[in-house]
Amino acid sequence: MKAKGYFLAIISAVFYGLIPLFVLPVKSVEFSLYVFLFYRFGLAAIILLLVLAGKKISLRINKRELFILICLGLAYALSTDTLFYAYDLLTPGIASTILFVFPVFVAIIMSFFKEKISRATIIALIITTLGVLVLGSRNSLTDINFYGLFIAILGALFYAIYMVIVKQSGIKVSGLKLSFYSLGFSSVYFLIRVLLDNESFILPDTTVFFNLIMIALFSTVLTLITLVYAIQYIGPTQTSILGALEPIVAVGISVLLFGELLTVNLIAGIVLVLGGVLVNILFNERKEKS
C-alpha cells in the first residue's frame, strides 16, 4: 500500500504543478481568468458529483457543516485568485514556489490554537523568508517586488487557512465530499466575480475549451482524488514532502515552454524555500514520533 501511496502522491503533485501549462495559453489570448476559473471549478465539481453518485455517498450536510464548507470554498478560491494574479506580478514559476510555503504558515497559525511552535518551524520560517526575498528580487536583494511577493504570500496564507479549517473544524465528511463542496463554493465565488465584472461566459475558441477540460480533469479532479488516497496510504507528512514536486514541475514548464528565465535567483530561491519547508515537515514529524 505504501508504494501505491507514494505513486499517488507523485501523480497529485506533478499534475498540480502542470497548472501553468493550461493557464498561460488562456492568459495569452486575454480571456477572462474569472470565467475560466468558474468553469474549471464548476466542471470539476460536476465530475466529483458523478463520482460521489457512483459510490452512493449522500450529499446531506447540516447547517454547521454548510458554514464550514462555504469557508473552505472561499479560502480555496482566494488562494487560487491570488496565485494567478501573482503569475502576472512575478512569474508562474516563482509564484508556484512561494505557494509551497503554506506548511510553515499552517504551523504558525496552529500556534494560536495553543500548539507550540517548534524550533524547527522558526528555522524553517527564516530560511523560507530568505528564499522568498531571493525569488522576489530582480537583480539584487535591494531590488525586490514587494507587492508581487505580498500577493503570492497571500495565496499561500489562504491555502494554509484552508488546511487549518479542515483540521480544527472537526468536520465529519469524506475527502471526496469535502472536495466536491469546496470546488462548488469556489465556483460560486468566481461566478460572483464574473457577474460583478459583467464578463461574457462564451468561450472564444477551442484552445480555451481544451485547456479548460485539461485543468478540470487533471489539475483539479485527479490531483484532489489522488491526494485524498495518498494521505490515507502514507499519511499527510510524506504526502507533503512529495508535494515539493509541484513547484519544481511548475518552474520546469514555465522555463521550457513559456520562456521564463532560469536565473541564479530562481534556483537559489527554490532551494531555500523547499529546504525550509522540508526542514519544518521532517523535524516536526520526528518530534511527534519521539
Protein backbone atom coordinates (compact mmCIF):
# COMPACT_ATOMS: atom_id res chain seq x y z
CA MET A 1 0.00 0.00 0.00
CA LYS A 2 2.88 2.41 0.74
CA ALA A 3 4.26 2.11 -2.78
CA LYS A 4 0.78 2.90 -4.10
CA GLY A 5 0.56 5.88 -1.74
CA TYR A 6 3.89 7.29 -2.92
CA PHE A 7 2.85 6.84 -6.55
CA LEU A 8 -0.46 8.63 -5.96
CA ALA A 9 1.27 11.48 -4.09
CA ILE A 10 3.68 11.95 -7.00
CA ILE A 11 0.80 11.95 -9.51
CA SER A 12 -1.06 14.54 -7.42
CA ALA A 13 1.97 16.84 -7.13
CA VAL A 14 3.03 16.55 -10.78
CA PHE A 15 -0.39 17.27 -12.24
CA TYR A 16 -0.98 20.19 -9.86
CA GLY A 17 2.38 21.56 -11.00
CA LEU A 18 1.11 21.47 -14.60
CA ILE A 19 -1.33 24.33 -13.95
CA PRO A 20 0.81 26.92 -15.82
CA LEU A 21 0.67 24.66 -18.88
CA PHE A 22 -3.11 25.15 -19.07
CA VAL A 23 -3.43 28.69 -17.71
CA LEU A 24 -0.76 30.62 -19.62
CA PRO A 25 -2.22 29.88 -23.09
CA VAL A 26 -5.56 31.22 -21.83
CA LYS A 27 -3.91 34.38 -20.47
CA SER A 28 -2.15 34.87 -23.81
CA VAL A 29 -5.49 35.21 -25.66
CA GLU A 30 -6.69 37.64 -22.97
CA PHE A 31 -9.69 35.53 -22.00
CA SER A 32 -11.17 36.32 -18.57
CA LEU A 33 -9.48 34.18 -15.94
CA TYR A 34 -12.53 34.57 -13.69
CA VAL A 35 -14.74 32.95 -16.33
CA PHE A 36 -12.10 30.29 -16.89
CA LEU A 37 -11.88 29.54 -13.16
CA PHE A 38 -15.68 29.49 -12.80
CA TYR A 39 -15.85 26.82 -15.49
CA ARG A 40 -12.82 24.99 -14.06
CA PHE A 41 -14.23 24.59 -10.57
CA GLY A 42 -17.79 24.11 -11.75
CA LEU A 43 -16.84 21.35 -14.18
CA ALA A 44 -14.60 19.69 -11.57
CA ALA A 45 -17.46 19.79 -9.03
CA ILE A 46 -19.79 18.13 -11.55
CA ILE A 47 -17.23 15.37 -12.19
CA LEU A 48 -16.85 14.78 -8.45
CA LEU A 49 -20.62 14.76 -8.10
CA LEU A 50 -20.75 11.88 -10.58
CA VAL A 51 -18.02 10.07 -8.61
CA LEU A 52 -19.98 10.54 -5.37
CA ALA A 53 -23.16 9.31 -7.07
CA GLY A 54 -21.31 6.25 -8.34
CA LYS A 55 -20.10 5.50 -4.82
CA LYS A 56 -23.62 6.20 -3.46
CA ILE A 57 -22.30 8.79 -0.99
CA SER A 58 -25.01 11.08 0.38
CA LEU A 59 -24.59 14.84 -0.12
CA ARG A 60 -26.61 15.65 3.00
CA ILE A 61 -24.96 18.13 5.39
CA ASN A 62 -26.11 20.07 8.46
CA LYS A 63 -26.01 23.85 8.98
CA ARG A 64 -22.66 23.78 10.79
CA GLU A 65 -21.08 21.70 8.01
CA LEU A 66 -22.56 24.06 5.41
CA PHE A 67 -20.91 27.07 7.07
CA ILE A 68 -17.54 25.27 7.31
CA LEU A 69 -17.71 24.13 3.68
CA ILE A 70 -18.54 27.67 2.50
CA CYS A 71 -15.47 28.93 4.40
CA LEU A 72 -13.35 26.21 2.80
CA GLY A 73 -14.61 27.10 -0.68
CA LEU A 74 -13.88 30.78 -0.08
CA ALA A 75 -10.35 30.08 1.23
CA TYR A 76 -9.59 27.77 -1.72
CA ALA A 77 -10.95 30.31 -4.22
CA LEU A 78 -8.98 33.20 -2.69
CA SER A 79 -5.81 31.09 -2.77
CA THR A 80 -6.32 30.43 -6.48
CA ASP A 81 -7.30 34.04 -7.22
CA THR A 82 -4.17 35.47 -5.59
CA LEU A 83 -1.91 32.78 -7.09
CA PHE A 84 -2.99 33.57 -10.64
CA TYR A 85 -2.69 37.32 -10.00
CA ALA A 86 0.85 36.67 -8.73
CA TYR A 87 1.60 34.99 -12.09
CA ASP A 88 1.41 38.47 -13.64
CA LEU A 89 3.28 40.30 -10.88
CA LEU A 90 6.11 37.76 -10.62
CA THR A 91 6.25 34.67 -12.85
CA PRO A 92 4.34 31.36 -12.73
CA GLY A 93 7.44 29.52 -11.51
CA ILE A 94 8.17 31.96 -8.69
CA ALA A 95 4.52 32.27 -7.61
CA SER A 96 4.09 28.47 -7.56
CA THR A 97 7.22 28.08 -5.45
CA ILE A 98 6.09 30.69 -2.91
CA LEU A 99 2.70 28.93 -2.62
CA PHE A 100 4.59 25.91 -1.29
CA VAL A 101 5.46 27.73 1.96
CA PHE A 102 1.93 27.00 3.20
CA PRO A 103 3.04 24.22 5.63
CA VAL A 104 5.09 26.79 7.54
CA PHE A 105 2.07 29.09 7.71
CA VAL A 106 -0.04 26.19 8.96
CA ALA A 107 2.41 25.66 11.83
CA ILE A 108 2.40 29.38 12.68
CA ILE A 109 -1.41 29.62 12.62
CA MET A 110 -1.72 26.49 14.75
CA SER A 111 0.43 28.19 17.41
CA PHE A 112 -2.58 30.44 18.07
CA PHE A 113 -4.53 27.29 18.94
CA LYS A 114 -2.07 26.53 21.76
CA GLU A 115 0.02 24.24 19.55
CA LYS A 116 3.59 25.14 20.49
CA ILE A 117 5.66 26.44 17.62
CA SER A 118 8.84 24.37 17.35
CA ARG A 119 12.41 25.50 16.90
CA ALA A 120 12.37 23.74 13.52
CA THR A 121 9.42 25.88 12.40
CA ILE A 122 11.26 29.06 13.42
CA ILE A 123 14.35 27.95 11.48
CA ALA A 124 12.15 26.99 8.52
CA LEU A 125 10.47 30.41 8.63
CA ILE A 126 13.84 32.18 8.49
CA ILE A 127 15.06 30.01 5.59
CA THR A 128 11.84 30.31 3.58
CA THR A 129 11.66 34.08 4.19
CA LEU A 130 15.15 34.45 2.73
CA GLY A 131 14.12 32.20 -0.16
CA VAL A 132 11.02 34.29 -0.85
CA LEU A 133 13.09 37.50 -0.84
CA VAL A 134 15.57 35.95 -3.27
CA LEU A 135 12.70 34.86 -5.54
CA GLY A 136 11.21 38.33 -5.48
CA SER A 137 14.46 40.14 -6.27
CA ARG A 138 15.08 41.23 -9.83
CA ASN A 139 18.80 41.90 -9.87
CA SER A 140 19.73 42.03 -6.18
CA LEU A 141 18.17 41.83 -2.71
CA THR A 142 17.79 45.62 -2.81
CA ASP A 143 15.54 45.38 -5.87
CA ILE A 144 12.55 43.37 -4.64
CA ASN A 145 8.99 43.24 -5.98
CA PHE A 146 7.33 43.51 -2.57
CA TYR A 147 3.80 43.83 -3.92
CA GLY A 148 4.19 40.68 -6.01
CA LEU A 149 5.63 38.82 -3.02
CA PHE A 150 2.76 40.04 -0.83
CA ILE A 151 0.14 38.71 -3.27
CA ALA A 152 1.94 35.36 -3.67
CA ILE A 153 2.30 35.01 0.11
CA LEU A 154 -1.41 35.78 0.47
CA GLY A 155 -2.09 32.79 -1.79
CA ALA A 156 -0.02 30.55 0.48
CA LEU A 157 -1.72 32.02 3.56
CA PHE A 158 -5.22 31.37 2.22
CA TYR A 159 -4.25 27.78 1.39
CA ALA A 160 -2.85 27.38 4.91
CA ILE A 161 -6.13 28.73 6.30
CA TYR A 162 -7.95 26.11 4.21
CA MET A 163 -5.82 23.36 5.78
CA VAL A 164 -6.30 24.72 9.30
CA ILE A 165 -10.08 24.90 8.89
CA VAL A 166 -10.12 21.25 7.82
CA LYS A 167 -8.00 20.31 10.84
CA GLN A 168 -9.64 22.48 13.51
CA SER A 169 -13.29 22.32 12.48
CA GLY A 170 -13.57 18.60 13.13
CA ILE A 171 -15.88 18.31 10.14
CA LYS A 172 -17.00 14.71 9.64
CA VAL A 173 -17.33 14.31 5.88
CA SER A 174 -15.36 12.18 3.43
CA GLY A 175 -12.48 13.66 1.50
CA LEU A 176 -14.36 13.38 -1.80
CA LYS A 177 -17.46 15.04 -0.35
CA LEU A 178 -15.37 17.83 1.18
CA SER A 179 -13.60 18.37 -2.15
CA PHE A 180 -16.92 18.48 -4.03
CA TYR A 181 -18.35 21.20 -1.79
CA SER A 182 -15.05 23.14 -1.73
CA LEU A 183 -14.94 23.19 -5.52
CA GLY A 184 -18.64 24.00 -5.77
CA PHE A 185 -18.42 27.02 -3.47
CA SER A 186 -15.17 28.11 -5.16
CA SER A 187 -17.09 28.08 -8.45
CA VAL A 188 -19.78 30.29 -6.87
CA TYR A 189 -17.09 32.76 -5.77
CA PHE A 190 -15.79 33.12 -9.32
CA LEU A 191 -19.34 33.29 -10.70
CA ILE A 192 -19.92 36.34 -8.49
CA ARG A 193 -16.65 37.89 -9.71
CA VAL A 194 -17.71 37.31 -13.33
CA LEU A 195 -21.14 38.86 -12.78
CA LEU A 196 -19.66 41.88 -10.99
CA ASP A 197 -17.24 42.44 -13.88
CA ASN A 198 -20.03 41.82 -16.43
CA GLU A 199 -17.86 39.31 -18.32
CA SER A 200 -19.08 37.09 -21.16
CA PHE A 201 -19.39 33.35 -20.48
CA ILE A 202 -18.75 32.47 -24.12
CA LEU A 203 -15.54 30.55 -24.77
CA PRO A 204 -13.62 32.28 -27.59
CA ASP A 205 -12.02 29.25 -29.24
CA THR A 206 -11.15 25.55 -28.99
CA THR A 207 -7.79 26.34 -27.32
CA VAL A 208 -9.52 27.77 -24.24
CA PHE A 209 -12.02 24.89 -24.24
CA PHE A 210 -9.24 22.28 -24.45
CA ASN A 211 -7.22 23.87 -21.63
CA LEU A 212 -10.37 24.15 -19.53
CA ILE A 213 -11.07 20.42 -19.87
CA MET A 214 -7.44 19.55 -19.13
CA ILE A 215 -7.14 21.70 -15.99
CA ALA A 216 -10.50 20.50 -14.66
CA LEU A 217 -9.75 16.81 -15.23
CA PHE A 218 -6.06 16.57 -14.45
CA SER A 219 -5.00 19.56 -12.32
CA THR A 220 -8.18 19.66 -10.23
CA VAL A 221 -10.14 16.39 -10.01
CA LEU A 222 -7.23 13.98 -10.49
CA THR A 223 -4.96 15.89 -8.09
CA LEU A 224 -7.65 16.05 -5.39
CA ILE A 225 -8.63 12.37 -5.62
CA THR A 226 -5.02 11.12 -5.67
CA LEU A 227 -4.19 13.48 -2.79
CA VAL A 228 -7.02 12.08 -0.66
CA TYR A 229 -5.92 8.49 -1.22
CA ALA A 230 -2.20 9.28 -0.85
CA ILE A 231 -2.88 10.77 2.60
CA GLN A 232 -4.82 7.62 3.53
CA TYR A 233 -1.98 5.32 2.42
CA ILE A 234 1.17 7.17 3.57
CA GLY A 235 -0.10 10.00 5.78
CA PRO A 236 -0.06 13.80 5.40
CA THR A 237 3.65 14.25 6.19
CA GLN A 238 5.04 12.04 3.43
CA THR A 239 2.42 13.40 1.04
CA SER A 240 3.51 16.96 1.87
CA ILE A 241 7.16 16.09 1.25
CA LEU A 242 6.37 14.72 -2.21
CA GLY A 243 4.32 17.87 -2.78
CA ALA A 244 7.69 19.59 -3.31
CA LEU A 245 7.43 18.29 -6.86
CA GLU A 246 4.62 20.81 -7.53
CA PRO A 247 6.76 23.98 -7.77
CA ILE A 248 9.58 22.08 -9.47
CA VAL A 249 7.24 20.94 -12.24
CA ALA A 250 5.67 24.42 -12.49
CA VAL A 251 9.11 26.02 -12.85
CA GLY A 252 10.15 23.41 -15.43
CA ILE A 253 7.03 24.05 -17.51
CA SER A 254 7.47 27.83 -17.28
CA VAL A 255 11.16 27.68 -18.28
CA LEU A 256 10.95 25.05 -21.02
CA LEU A 257 7.68 26.06 -22.69
CA PHE A 258 6.99 29.69 -21.82
CA GLY A 259 10.40 31.32 -21.79
CA GLU A 260 10.80 32.00 -18.06
CA LEU A 261 14.49 32.65 -17.36
CA LEU A 262 16.25 30.08 -15.19
CA THR A 263 18.29 32.59 -13.20
CA VAL A 264 20.60 32.09 -10.24
CA ASN A 265 18.00 33.86 -8.07
CA LEU A 266 15.28 31.45 -9.19
CA ILE A 267 17.39 28.36 -8.47
CA ALA A 268 18.62 29.70 -5.11
CA GLY A 269 15.10 30.77 -4.09
CA ILE A 270 13.62 27.37 -4.95
CA VAL A 271 16.34 25.56 -2.97
CA LEU A 272 15.82 27.81 0.07
CA VAL A 273 12.01 27.61 0.03
CA LEU A 274 11.87 23.85 -0.50
CA GLY A 275 14.66 23.34 2.03
CA GLY A 276 12.92 25.44 4.67
CA VAL A 277 9.57 23.71 4.21
CA LEU A 278 11.12 20.24 4.31
CA VAL A 279 13.03 21.13 7.50
CA ASN A 280 9.73 22.09 9.09
CA ILE A 281 7.94 18.91 7.97
CA LEU A 282 10.71 16.41 8.78
CA PHE A 283 11.73 17.79 12.17
CA ASN A 284 8.14 18.13 13.36
CA GLU A 285 7.41 14.57 12.24
CA ARG A 286 10.42 13.36 14.27
CA LYS A 287 9.16 15.32 17.28
CA GLU A 288 5.71 13.70 17.05
CA LYS A 289 7.25 10.20 16.95
CA SER A 290 9.58 10.80 19.93
